[in-house]
N, C-alpha and C. Protein backbone atom coordinates (compact mmCIF):
# COMPACT_ATOMS: atom_id res chain seq x y z
N MET A 1 -33.53 41.47 -66.92
CA MET A 1 -33.97 40.11 -66.76
C MET A 1 -32.76 39.41 -66.16
N CYS A 2 -33.04 38.68 -65.11
CA CYS A 2 -31.86 37.90 -64.44
C CYS A 2 -31.63 36.66 -65.27
N LYS A 3 -30.50 35.93 -64.84
CA LYS A 3 -30.04 34.83 -65.58
C LYS A 3 -31.12 33.65 -65.40
N LEU A 4 -31.73 33.58 -64.19
CA LEU A 4 -32.69 32.57 -64.08
C LEU A 4 -34.02 32.72 -65.00
N ASP A 5 -34.37 33.96 -65.11
CA ASP A 5 -35.45 34.23 -66.03
C ASP A 5 -35.07 34.00 -67.43
N THR A 6 -33.85 34.36 -67.80
CA THR A 6 -33.32 34.07 -69.18
C THR A 6 -33.37 32.67 -69.48
N VAL A 7 -32.98 31.73 -68.56
CA VAL A 7 -33.01 30.29 -68.88
C VAL A 7 -34.42 29.81 -69.06
N PHE A 8 -35.34 30.27 -68.17
CA PHE A 8 -36.76 29.79 -68.34
C PHE A 8 -37.38 30.36 -69.58
N ALA A 9 -37.08 31.60 -69.86
CA ALA A 9 -37.67 32.22 -71.06
C ALA A 9 -37.13 31.60 -72.24
N LYS A 10 -35.87 31.28 -72.29
CA LYS A 10 -35.29 30.57 -73.53
C LYS A 10 -35.96 29.21 -73.64
N LYS A 11 -36.14 28.42 -72.56
CA LYS A 11 -36.82 27.18 -72.63
C LYS A 11 -38.23 27.26 -73.17
N LEU A 12 -38.87 28.37 -72.92
CA LEU A 12 -40.22 28.53 -73.40
C LEU A 12 -40.22 29.18 -74.78
N GLY A 13 -39.02 29.52 -75.35
CA GLY A 13 -39.00 30.00 -76.72
C GLY A 13 -39.23 31.54 -76.87
N ALA A 14 -39.12 32.29 -75.71
CA ALA A 14 -39.39 33.76 -75.71
C ALA A 14 -38.20 34.49 -76.18
N LEU A 15 -36.92 33.98 -76.22
CA LEU A 15 -35.79 34.68 -76.59
C LEU A 15 -35.21 34.03 -77.91
N ASP A 16 -34.29 34.76 -78.50
CA ASP A 16 -33.65 34.30 -79.71
C ASP A 16 -32.57 33.24 -79.31
N ASP A 17 -31.64 32.97 -80.23
CA ASP A 17 -30.66 31.80 -79.97
C ASP A 17 -29.52 32.16 -79.16
N ARG A 18 -29.45 33.36 -78.53
CA ARG A 18 -28.40 33.64 -77.63
C ARG A 18 -28.49 33.01 -76.31
N THR A 19 -27.37 32.57 -75.72
CA THR A 19 -27.37 31.89 -74.42
C THR A 19 -26.48 32.63 -73.49
N ILE A 20 -26.90 32.90 -72.27
CA ILE A 20 -26.04 33.47 -71.27
C ILE A 20 -25.99 32.41 -70.13
N ALA A 21 -24.74 31.98 -69.82
CA ALA A 21 -24.67 30.87 -68.81
C ALA A 21 -23.36 31.16 -67.97
N PRO A 22 -23.48 31.01 -66.65
CA PRO A 22 -22.26 31.22 -65.81
C PRO A 22 -21.41 29.92 -65.76
N THR A 23 -20.13 30.10 -65.75
CA THR A 23 -19.32 28.96 -65.59
C THR A 23 -18.22 29.20 -64.60
N SER A 24 -17.91 28.24 -63.75
CA SER A 24 -16.87 28.32 -62.76
C SER A 24 -16.22 27.04 -62.53
N THR A 25 -14.93 27.09 -62.11
CA THR A 25 -14.20 25.89 -61.88
C THR A 25 -13.58 26.14 -60.41
N SER A 26 -13.34 25.05 -59.75
CA SER A 26 -12.68 25.10 -58.54
C SER A 26 -11.80 23.88 -58.27
N PRO A 27 -10.86 23.97 -57.37
CA PRO A 27 -10.07 22.83 -57.07
C PRO A 27 -10.86 21.71 -56.42
N LYS A 28 -10.37 20.47 -56.52
CA LYS A 28 -11.01 19.31 -56.02
C LYS A 28 -11.16 19.38 -54.42
N GLU A 29 -12.40 19.35 -53.95
CA GLU A 29 -12.54 19.43 -52.46
C GLU A 29 -13.46 18.33 -52.13
N HIS A 30 -13.14 17.66 -51.01
CA HIS A 30 -14.01 16.59 -50.54
C HIS A 30 -15.05 17.22 -49.50
N ASN A 31 -16.25 16.76 -49.64
CA ASN A 31 -17.26 17.19 -48.68
C ASN A 31 -17.17 16.37 -47.41
N THR A 32 -16.59 15.23 -47.49
CA THR A 32 -16.45 14.32 -46.37
C THR A 32 -14.97 14.36 -45.87
N THR A 33 -14.93 14.42 -44.46
CA THR A 33 -13.60 14.48 -43.91
C THR A 33 -13.18 12.93 -43.60
N ALA A 34 -11.90 12.76 -43.36
CA ALA A 34 -11.37 11.48 -43.05
C ALA A 34 -12.02 10.84 -41.80
N GLU A 35 -12.27 11.76 -40.87
CA GLU A 35 -12.84 11.29 -39.57
C GLU A 35 -14.30 10.77 -39.83
N GLN A 36 -15.08 11.53 -40.70
CA GLN A 36 -16.39 11.14 -40.98
C GLN A 36 -16.43 9.79 -41.76
N LEU A 37 -15.55 9.70 -42.70
CA LEU A 37 -15.44 8.47 -43.47
C LEU A 37 -15.03 7.27 -42.57
N GLY A 38 -14.03 7.44 -41.70
CA GLY A 38 -13.68 6.41 -40.76
C GLY A 38 -14.81 5.92 -39.95
N ARG A 39 -15.68 6.83 -39.44
CA ARG A 39 -16.78 6.46 -38.60
C ARG A 39 -17.89 5.65 -39.42
N LYS A 40 -18.12 6.24 -40.63
CA LYS A 40 -19.15 5.62 -41.43
C LYS A 40 -18.74 4.17 -41.95
N TRP A 41 -17.50 3.99 -42.31
CA TRP A 41 -17.06 2.75 -42.83
C TRP A 41 -16.45 1.80 -41.79
N ASN A 42 -16.36 2.35 -40.55
CA ASN A 42 -15.71 1.64 -39.39
C ASN A 42 -14.29 1.21 -39.78
N VAL A 43 -13.48 2.13 -40.23
CA VAL A 43 -12.11 1.89 -40.64
C VAL A 43 -11.18 2.92 -39.88
N GLY A 44 -9.93 2.63 -39.89
CA GLY A 44 -8.99 3.57 -39.21
C GLY A 44 -8.79 4.91 -39.92
N LEU A 45 -8.23 5.88 -39.28
CA LEU A 45 -8.05 7.19 -39.84
C LEU A 45 -7.03 7.16 -41.01
N ASP A 46 -6.06 6.40 -40.93
CA ASP A 46 -5.04 6.28 -42.05
C ASP A 46 -5.67 5.75 -43.31
N ILE A 47 -6.52 4.64 -43.20
CA ILE A 47 -7.18 4.09 -44.36
C ILE A 47 -8.13 5.09 -44.93
N ALA A 48 -8.93 5.90 -44.11
CA ALA A 48 -9.87 6.85 -44.56
C ALA A 48 -9.08 8.02 -45.35
N LYS A 49 -7.96 8.38 -44.84
CA LYS A 49 -7.16 9.42 -45.52
C LYS A 49 -6.69 8.94 -46.83
N LYS A 50 -6.14 7.72 -46.94
CA LYS A 50 -5.70 7.11 -48.14
C LYS A 50 -6.88 6.99 -49.19
N THR A 51 -7.98 6.68 -48.70
CA THR A 51 -9.13 6.57 -49.49
C THR A 51 -9.59 7.85 -50.19
N LEU A 52 -9.58 8.94 -49.35
CA LEU A 52 -9.87 10.28 -49.88
C LEU A 52 -8.80 10.79 -50.82
N LYS A 53 -7.50 10.38 -50.56
CA LYS A 53 -6.51 10.81 -51.40
C LYS A 53 -6.54 10.24 -52.84
N CYS A 54 -6.94 8.96 -52.90
CA CYS A 54 -6.97 8.33 -54.30
C CYS A 54 -8.36 8.39 -54.85
N THR A 55 -9.36 8.91 -54.32
CA THR A 55 -10.72 9.00 -54.82
C THR A 55 -10.77 10.25 -55.80
N THR A 56 -11.20 9.95 -57.00
CA THR A 56 -11.31 11.01 -57.99
C THR A 56 -12.72 11.57 -58.03
N GLN A 57 -12.83 12.65 -58.59
CA GLN A 57 -14.17 13.29 -58.83
C GLN A 57 -14.31 13.58 -60.28
N LYS A 58 -13.91 12.66 -61.22
CA LYS A 58 -14.05 12.85 -62.60
C LYS A 58 -15.49 12.84 -63.04
N GLY A 59 -15.89 13.82 -63.72
CA GLY A 59 -17.18 13.90 -64.33
C GLY A 59 -18.33 14.40 -63.36
N VAL A 60 -17.94 14.94 -62.21
CA VAL A 60 -19.03 15.43 -61.31
C VAL A 60 -19.39 16.79 -61.71
N ARG A 61 -20.66 16.99 -61.93
CA ARG A 61 -21.25 18.33 -62.35
C ARG A 61 -22.43 18.61 -61.45
N GLN A 62 -22.64 19.96 -61.22
CA GLN A 62 -23.65 20.38 -60.37
C GLN A 62 -24.44 21.38 -61.14
N THR A 63 -25.88 21.34 -60.87
CA THR A 63 -26.65 22.31 -61.56
C THR A 63 -27.84 22.61 -60.68
N LEU A 64 -28.51 23.79 -61.00
CA LEU A 64 -29.68 24.12 -60.23
C LEU A 64 -30.95 23.65 -60.90
N TYR A 65 -30.90 23.47 -62.16
CA TYR A 65 -32.07 23.08 -62.97
C TYR A 65 -31.98 21.60 -63.36
N PRO A 66 -32.98 21.08 -63.99
CA PRO A 66 -32.88 19.66 -64.41
C PRO A 66 -31.62 19.49 -65.26
N ILE A 67 -30.90 18.43 -64.90
CA ILE A 67 -29.57 18.27 -65.50
C ILE A 67 -29.68 18.05 -67.07
N GLU A 68 -30.75 17.43 -67.58
CA GLU A 68 -30.83 17.24 -68.92
C GLU A 68 -30.94 18.44 -69.82
N TRP A 69 -31.23 19.59 -69.11
CA TRP A 69 -31.23 20.84 -69.95
C TRP A 69 -29.86 21.34 -70.21
N HIS A 70 -28.85 21.00 -69.52
CA HIS A 70 -27.48 21.61 -69.55
C HIS A 70 -26.38 20.74 -70.07
N PHE A 71 -26.42 19.43 -69.76
CA PHE A 71 -25.30 18.66 -69.99
C PHE A 71 -25.50 17.51 -70.91
N CYS A 72 -24.56 17.19 -71.84
CA CYS A 72 -24.56 16.01 -72.58
C CYS A 72 -23.78 14.93 -71.72
N THR A 73 -23.90 13.76 -72.09
CA THR A 73 -23.29 12.65 -71.29
C THR A 73 -22.01 12.17 -71.93
N LYS A 74 -21.08 13.04 -72.17
CA LYS A 74 -19.82 12.56 -72.73
C LYS A 74 -18.78 12.45 -71.63
N GLN A 75 -18.76 11.34 -70.97
CA GLN A 75 -17.75 11.04 -70.03
C GLN A 75 -16.97 9.89 -70.43
N ALA A 76 -16.17 9.96 -71.53
CA ALA A 76 -15.56 8.85 -72.17
C ALA A 76 -14.69 8.12 -71.26
N GLN A 77 -13.94 8.85 -70.41
CA GLN A 77 -12.93 8.28 -69.57
C GLN A 77 -13.61 7.33 -68.43
N LEU A 78 -14.88 7.50 -68.28
CA LEU A 78 -15.49 6.65 -67.20
C LEU A 78 -16.20 5.39 -67.81
N ARG A 79 -16.29 5.24 -69.11
CA ARG A 79 -17.00 4.14 -69.75
C ARG A 79 -16.08 2.83 -69.76
N TYR A 80 -14.78 2.99 -69.73
CA TYR A 80 -13.92 1.82 -69.91
C TYR A 80 -12.95 1.66 -68.70
N ARG A 81 -12.33 0.48 -68.70
CA ARG A 81 -11.40 0.15 -67.65
C ARG A 81 -10.18 1.09 -67.60
N GLN A 82 -9.77 1.53 -66.48
CA GLN A 82 -8.60 2.38 -66.32
C GLN A 82 -7.37 1.59 -66.08
N LEU A 83 -6.36 1.71 -66.90
CA LEU A 83 -5.09 0.99 -66.74
C LEU A 83 -4.09 1.98 -66.06
N SER A 84 -4.12 1.98 -64.83
CA SER A 84 -3.31 2.99 -64.07
C SER A 84 -2.26 2.26 -63.24
N GLY A 85 -1.52 3.07 -62.56
CA GLY A 85 -0.46 2.49 -61.73
C GLY A 85 0.83 2.28 -62.38
N GLN A 86 1.61 1.44 -61.87
CA GLN A 86 3.01 1.23 -62.28
C GLN A 86 3.02 0.68 -63.77
N HIS A 87 2.10 -0.14 -64.16
CA HIS A 87 2.09 -0.82 -65.44
C HIS A 87 1.07 -0.15 -66.47
N GLY A 88 0.54 1.02 -66.15
CA GLY A 88 -0.41 1.68 -66.97
C GLY A 88 0.25 2.60 -68.04
N ARG A 89 1.56 2.60 -68.21
CA ARG A 89 2.24 3.29 -69.22
C ARG A 89 2.46 2.38 -70.36
N PHE A 90 2.05 2.75 -71.52
CA PHE A 90 2.23 1.92 -72.68
C PHE A 90 3.02 2.68 -73.77
N TYR A 91 3.66 1.90 -74.58
CA TYR A 91 4.49 2.39 -75.71
C TYR A 91 3.84 1.92 -77.01
N THR A 92 3.87 2.78 -78.03
CA THR A 92 3.27 2.46 -79.30
C THR A 92 4.15 2.84 -80.41
N ASP A 93 4.15 2.05 -81.47
CA ASP A 93 4.87 2.37 -82.70
C ASP A 93 4.24 1.56 -83.92
N ALA A 94 4.46 2.18 -85.12
CA ALA A 94 3.91 1.54 -86.30
C ALA A 94 5.04 0.70 -86.92
N PHE A 95 4.65 -0.52 -87.36
CA PHE A 95 5.60 -1.41 -88.10
C PHE A 95 5.11 -1.65 -89.48
N PHE A 96 6.10 -1.76 -90.39
CA PHE A 96 5.75 -1.93 -91.77
C PHE A 96 6.31 -3.26 -92.25
N SER A 97 5.68 -3.83 -93.27
CA SER A 97 5.97 -5.18 -93.79
C SER A 97 6.10 -5.02 -95.30
N SER A 98 6.87 -5.89 -95.91
CA SER A 98 6.84 -6.02 -97.39
C SER A 98 5.78 -6.89 -97.94
N HIS A 99 5.14 -7.71 -97.05
CA HIS A 99 4.10 -8.59 -97.40
C HIS A 99 2.78 -8.05 -96.77
N SER A 100 1.69 -8.22 -97.49
CA SER A 100 0.46 -7.74 -97.03
C SER A 100 -0.40 -8.75 -96.31
N THR A 101 -1.19 -8.38 -95.35
CA THR A 101 -2.04 -9.31 -94.68
C THR A 101 -3.27 -9.79 -95.57
N LEU A 102 -4.06 -10.68 -95.07
CA LEU A 102 -5.21 -11.13 -95.81
C LEU A 102 -6.22 -9.94 -96.11
N SER A 103 -6.23 -9.00 -95.18
CA SER A 103 -7.06 -7.86 -95.38
C SER A 103 -6.51 -6.77 -96.25
N GLY A 104 -5.23 -6.90 -96.69
CA GLY A 104 -4.64 -6.03 -97.70
C GLY A 104 -3.70 -5.07 -96.97
N GLY A 105 -3.53 -5.06 -95.66
CA GLY A 105 -2.68 -4.07 -94.98
C GLY A 105 -1.21 -4.48 -94.96
N LYS A 106 -0.40 -3.47 -94.93
CA LYS A 106 1.06 -3.76 -94.94
C LYS A 106 1.69 -3.14 -93.64
N MET A 107 0.92 -2.74 -92.69
CA MET A 107 1.41 -2.11 -91.46
C MET A 107 0.60 -2.50 -90.34
N ALA A 108 1.18 -2.32 -89.13
CA ALA A 108 0.47 -2.57 -87.84
C ALA A 108 0.83 -1.54 -86.82
N GLN A 109 -0.04 -1.36 -85.82
CA GLN A 109 0.26 -0.46 -84.81
C GLN A 109 0.43 -1.42 -83.54
N LEU A 110 1.53 -1.30 -82.79
CA LEU A 110 1.86 -2.18 -81.63
C LEU A 110 1.75 -1.41 -80.41
N TYR A 111 1.11 -1.90 -79.38
CA TYR A 111 1.07 -1.36 -78.03
C TYR A 111 1.71 -2.32 -77.06
N ILE A 112 2.63 -1.88 -76.14
CA ILE A 112 3.29 -2.77 -75.25
C ILE A 112 3.54 -1.99 -73.94
N ASN A 113 3.55 -2.70 -72.81
CA ASN A 113 3.86 -2.06 -71.55
C ASN A 113 5.14 -2.76 -71.02
N ASP A 114 5.48 -2.38 -69.73
CA ASP A 114 6.75 -2.88 -69.18
C ASP A 114 6.63 -4.41 -68.68
N LEU A 115 5.47 -4.87 -68.75
CA LEU A 115 5.22 -6.38 -68.39
C LEU A 115 5.17 -7.24 -69.70
N SER A 116 5.55 -6.60 -70.78
CA SER A 116 5.55 -7.27 -72.08
C SER A 116 4.25 -7.71 -72.50
N PHE A 117 3.15 -7.01 -72.08
CA PHE A 117 1.82 -7.16 -72.57
C PHE A 117 1.79 -6.59 -73.97
N VAL A 118 1.42 -7.27 -74.94
CA VAL A 118 1.49 -6.85 -76.40
C VAL A 118 0.15 -6.93 -77.04
N LYS A 119 -0.27 -5.94 -77.69
CA LYS A 119 -1.45 -5.85 -78.48
C LYS A 119 -1.10 -5.19 -79.89
N CYS A 120 -1.42 -5.92 -80.95
CA CYS A 120 -1.10 -5.52 -82.32
C CYS A 120 -2.30 -5.35 -83.18
N TYR A 121 -2.41 -4.34 -83.84
CA TYR A 121 -3.51 -4.02 -84.74
C TYR A 121 -3.11 -3.76 -86.15
N PRO A 122 -3.55 -4.57 -87.11
CA PRO A 122 -3.13 -4.29 -88.52
C PRO A 122 -3.83 -3.06 -88.96
N MET A 123 -3.11 -2.36 -89.90
CA MET A 123 -3.62 -1.12 -90.54
C MET A 123 -3.37 -1.17 -92.11
N LYS A 124 -4.21 -0.47 -92.81
CA LYS A 124 -3.91 -0.35 -94.25
C LYS A 124 -3.19 0.91 -94.57
N GLN A 125 -3.38 1.90 -93.70
CA GLN A 125 -2.62 3.20 -93.95
C GLN A 125 -2.27 3.82 -92.57
N LYS A 126 -1.41 4.68 -92.52
CA LYS A 126 -0.91 5.38 -91.24
C LYS A 126 -2.07 6.09 -90.55
N SER A 127 -2.95 6.62 -91.38
CA SER A 127 -4.04 7.41 -90.82
C SER A 127 -5.08 6.47 -89.97
N ASP A 128 -4.86 5.17 -89.99
CA ASP A 128 -5.68 4.30 -89.19
C ASP A 128 -5.25 4.21 -87.77
N ALA A 129 -4.20 4.86 -87.35
CA ALA A 129 -3.63 4.77 -86.02
C ALA A 129 -4.67 5.13 -84.93
N PRO A 130 -5.50 6.21 -85.14
CA PRO A 130 -6.52 6.57 -84.09
C PRO A 130 -7.52 5.39 -83.95
N ASP A 131 -7.80 4.70 -84.97
CA ASP A 131 -8.81 3.53 -84.87
C ASP A 131 -8.24 2.48 -84.03
N THR A 132 -6.85 2.25 -84.12
CA THR A 132 -6.27 1.21 -83.27
C THR A 132 -6.27 1.60 -81.81
N LEU A 133 -6.14 2.93 -81.52
CA LEU A 133 -6.29 3.37 -80.15
C LEU A 133 -7.66 3.12 -79.59
N VAL A 134 -8.65 3.43 -80.41
CA VAL A 134 -10.06 3.21 -79.95
C VAL A 134 -10.20 1.67 -79.68
N ARG A 135 -9.78 0.81 -80.56
CA ARG A 135 -9.93 -0.61 -80.40
C ARG A 135 -9.14 -1.07 -79.12
N PHE A 136 -8.01 -0.49 -78.86
CA PHE A 136 -7.23 -0.81 -77.66
C PHE A 136 -7.97 -0.46 -76.41
N ILE A 137 -8.56 0.70 -76.41
CA ILE A 137 -9.33 1.26 -75.23
C ILE A 137 -10.50 0.30 -75.07
N GLN A 138 -11.24 -0.08 -76.11
CA GLN A 138 -12.39 -0.88 -75.99
C GLN A 138 -12.06 -2.33 -75.52
N GLU A 139 -10.96 -2.85 -76.00
CA GLU A 139 -10.68 -4.26 -75.79
C GLU A 139 -9.78 -4.46 -74.40
N VAL A 140 -8.95 -3.48 -74.17
CA VAL A 140 -8.07 -3.61 -73.04
C VAL A 140 -8.36 -2.61 -71.96
N GLY A 141 -8.45 -1.35 -72.26
CA GLY A 141 -8.76 -0.29 -71.30
C GLY A 141 -8.04 1.01 -71.62
N ILE A 142 -8.20 1.96 -70.82
CA ILE A 142 -7.59 3.27 -71.07
C ILE A 142 -6.26 3.36 -70.36
N PRO A 143 -5.15 3.48 -71.16
CA PRO A 143 -3.85 3.57 -70.51
C PRO A 143 -3.66 4.90 -69.77
N GLN A 144 -2.90 4.88 -68.79
CA GLN A 144 -2.62 6.13 -68.07
C GLN A 144 -1.76 7.01 -68.91
N ALA A 145 -0.79 6.44 -69.63
CA ALA A 145 0.08 7.20 -70.52
C ALA A 145 0.45 6.44 -71.72
N ILE A 146 0.80 7.19 -72.79
CA ILE A 146 1.27 6.50 -74.07
C ILE A 146 2.55 7.21 -74.44
N HIS A 147 3.54 6.51 -74.70
CA HIS A 147 4.85 7.05 -75.26
C HIS A 147 4.99 6.53 -76.64
N SER A 148 5.24 7.47 -77.56
CA SER A 148 5.38 7.11 -79.02
C SER A 148 6.49 7.95 -79.67
N ASP A 149 6.85 7.59 -80.86
CA ASP A 149 7.81 8.37 -81.58
C ASP A 149 7.14 9.64 -82.01
N ASP A 150 7.87 10.43 -82.69
CA ASP A 150 7.40 11.82 -83.04
C ASP A 150 6.70 11.79 -84.39
N ALA A 151 6.05 10.71 -84.69
CA ALA A 151 5.21 10.64 -85.97
C ALA A 151 4.05 11.68 -86.00
N PRO A 152 3.86 12.52 -87.06
CA PRO A 152 2.85 13.54 -87.01
C PRO A 152 1.46 13.00 -86.80
N ASP A 153 1.20 11.74 -87.31
CA ASP A 153 -0.13 11.17 -87.04
C ASP A 153 -0.40 10.79 -85.61
N LEU A 154 0.60 10.64 -84.81
CA LEU A 154 0.41 10.36 -83.34
C LEU A 154 0.52 11.63 -82.52
N MET A 155 1.14 12.64 -83.00
CA MET A 155 1.33 13.91 -82.23
C MET A 155 0.15 14.88 -82.41
N HIS A 156 -0.54 14.74 -83.57
CA HIS A 156 -1.52 15.78 -83.91
C HIS A 156 -2.80 15.05 -84.33
N GLY A 157 -3.79 15.82 -84.60
CA GLY A 157 -5.02 15.29 -85.24
C GLY A 157 -5.84 14.41 -84.25
N HIS A 158 -6.47 13.38 -84.88
CA HIS A 158 -7.48 12.57 -84.16
C HIS A 158 -6.86 11.76 -83.08
N PHE A 159 -5.65 11.27 -83.28
CA PHE A 159 -4.99 10.53 -82.19
C PHE A 159 -4.73 11.34 -80.97
N LYS A 160 -4.32 12.51 -81.12
CA LYS A 160 -4.08 13.46 -80.05
C LYS A 160 -5.37 13.83 -79.35
N GLN A 161 -6.41 14.05 -80.11
CA GLN A 161 -7.71 14.42 -79.55
C GLN A 161 -8.25 13.23 -78.71
N LEU A 162 -8.06 12.00 -79.20
CA LEU A 162 -8.51 10.83 -78.44
C LEU A 162 -7.76 10.77 -77.08
N CYS A 163 -6.50 11.10 -77.11
CA CYS A 163 -5.69 11.06 -75.83
C CYS A 163 -6.26 12.11 -74.83
N LYS A 164 -6.69 13.28 -75.44
CA LYS A 164 -7.25 14.36 -74.63
C LYS A 164 -8.59 13.89 -74.02
N ASP A 165 -9.46 13.37 -74.92
CA ASP A 165 -10.81 12.94 -74.50
C ASP A 165 -10.78 11.87 -73.43
N TYR A 166 -9.85 10.94 -73.53
CA TYR A 166 -9.77 9.83 -72.58
C TYR A 166 -8.81 10.17 -71.48
N GLN A 167 -8.30 11.40 -71.45
CA GLN A 167 -7.32 11.78 -70.37
C GLN A 167 -6.05 10.93 -70.29
N ILE A 168 -5.51 10.63 -71.50
CA ILE A 168 -4.25 9.81 -71.54
C ILE A 168 -3.06 10.81 -71.78
N HIS A 169 -2.15 10.68 -70.76
CA HIS A 169 -0.97 11.56 -70.90
C HIS A 169 -0.09 11.04 -71.99
N SER A 170 0.24 11.86 -73.04
CA SER A 170 1.08 11.37 -74.12
C SER A 170 2.45 12.06 -74.12
N THR A 171 3.49 11.27 -74.31
CA THR A 171 4.84 11.77 -74.41
C THR A 171 5.42 11.22 -75.67
N TYR A 172 6.54 11.84 -76.10
CA TYR A 172 7.19 11.51 -77.38
C TYR A 172 8.65 11.40 -77.25
N THR A 173 9.25 10.57 -78.12
CA THR A 173 10.73 10.48 -78.14
C THR A 173 11.30 11.77 -78.79
N GLU A 174 12.54 11.91 -78.48
CA GLU A 174 13.31 13.03 -79.02
C GLU A 174 13.44 12.83 -80.58
N PRO A 175 13.15 13.83 -81.39
CA PRO A 175 13.29 13.64 -82.82
C PRO A 175 14.67 13.19 -83.21
N TYR A 176 14.67 12.34 -84.25
CA TYR A 176 15.91 11.75 -84.83
C TYR A 176 16.77 10.93 -83.83
N SER A 177 16.12 10.37 -82.84
CA SER A 177 16.88 9.50 -81.87
C SER A 177 16.39 8.07 -82.19
N PRO A 178 17.23 7.16 -82.63
CA PRO A 178 16.75 5.78 -82.95
C PRO A 178 16.57 4.90 -81.81
N TRP A 179 16.94 5.19 -80.57
CA TRP A 179 16.76 4.36 -79.48
C TRP A 179 15.59 4.70 -78.56
């Protein structure tokens, strides 16, 4: 039985729960050349080349069968604003206080970039750091990169998974360096 017959038979319930599916990846290729784009948009060749260079193909999938059979719609990085370029790198750290907020928290997660754009989210415990990243993405956008200290709750677990899901490049300070 060929793969095509397997997919249709599975859809009809003729097979058990095993799935056979081909997967392949390839480097990003544009189907349109700079010359074609220049003619279509009536722009110069240099502008067409720059457009193709900065155009991404995030989330493009191809299939032979109806797409709803194969793919779920988890394209998290496409749902929110992208904070890219020179000012898309943010720094984050947790701050602790001896006094509690009205909601009972004694700590906060701070996000800041090189333009001194600051966003601060109160937390009740250190494990709330991933929730602050989700709020930051929803309210401000997806940063291109996040630099943080080497706190385990920021380097591993749910925070790291969020960075992976939203394609945020994460870097960390050197351990035991106070600056």
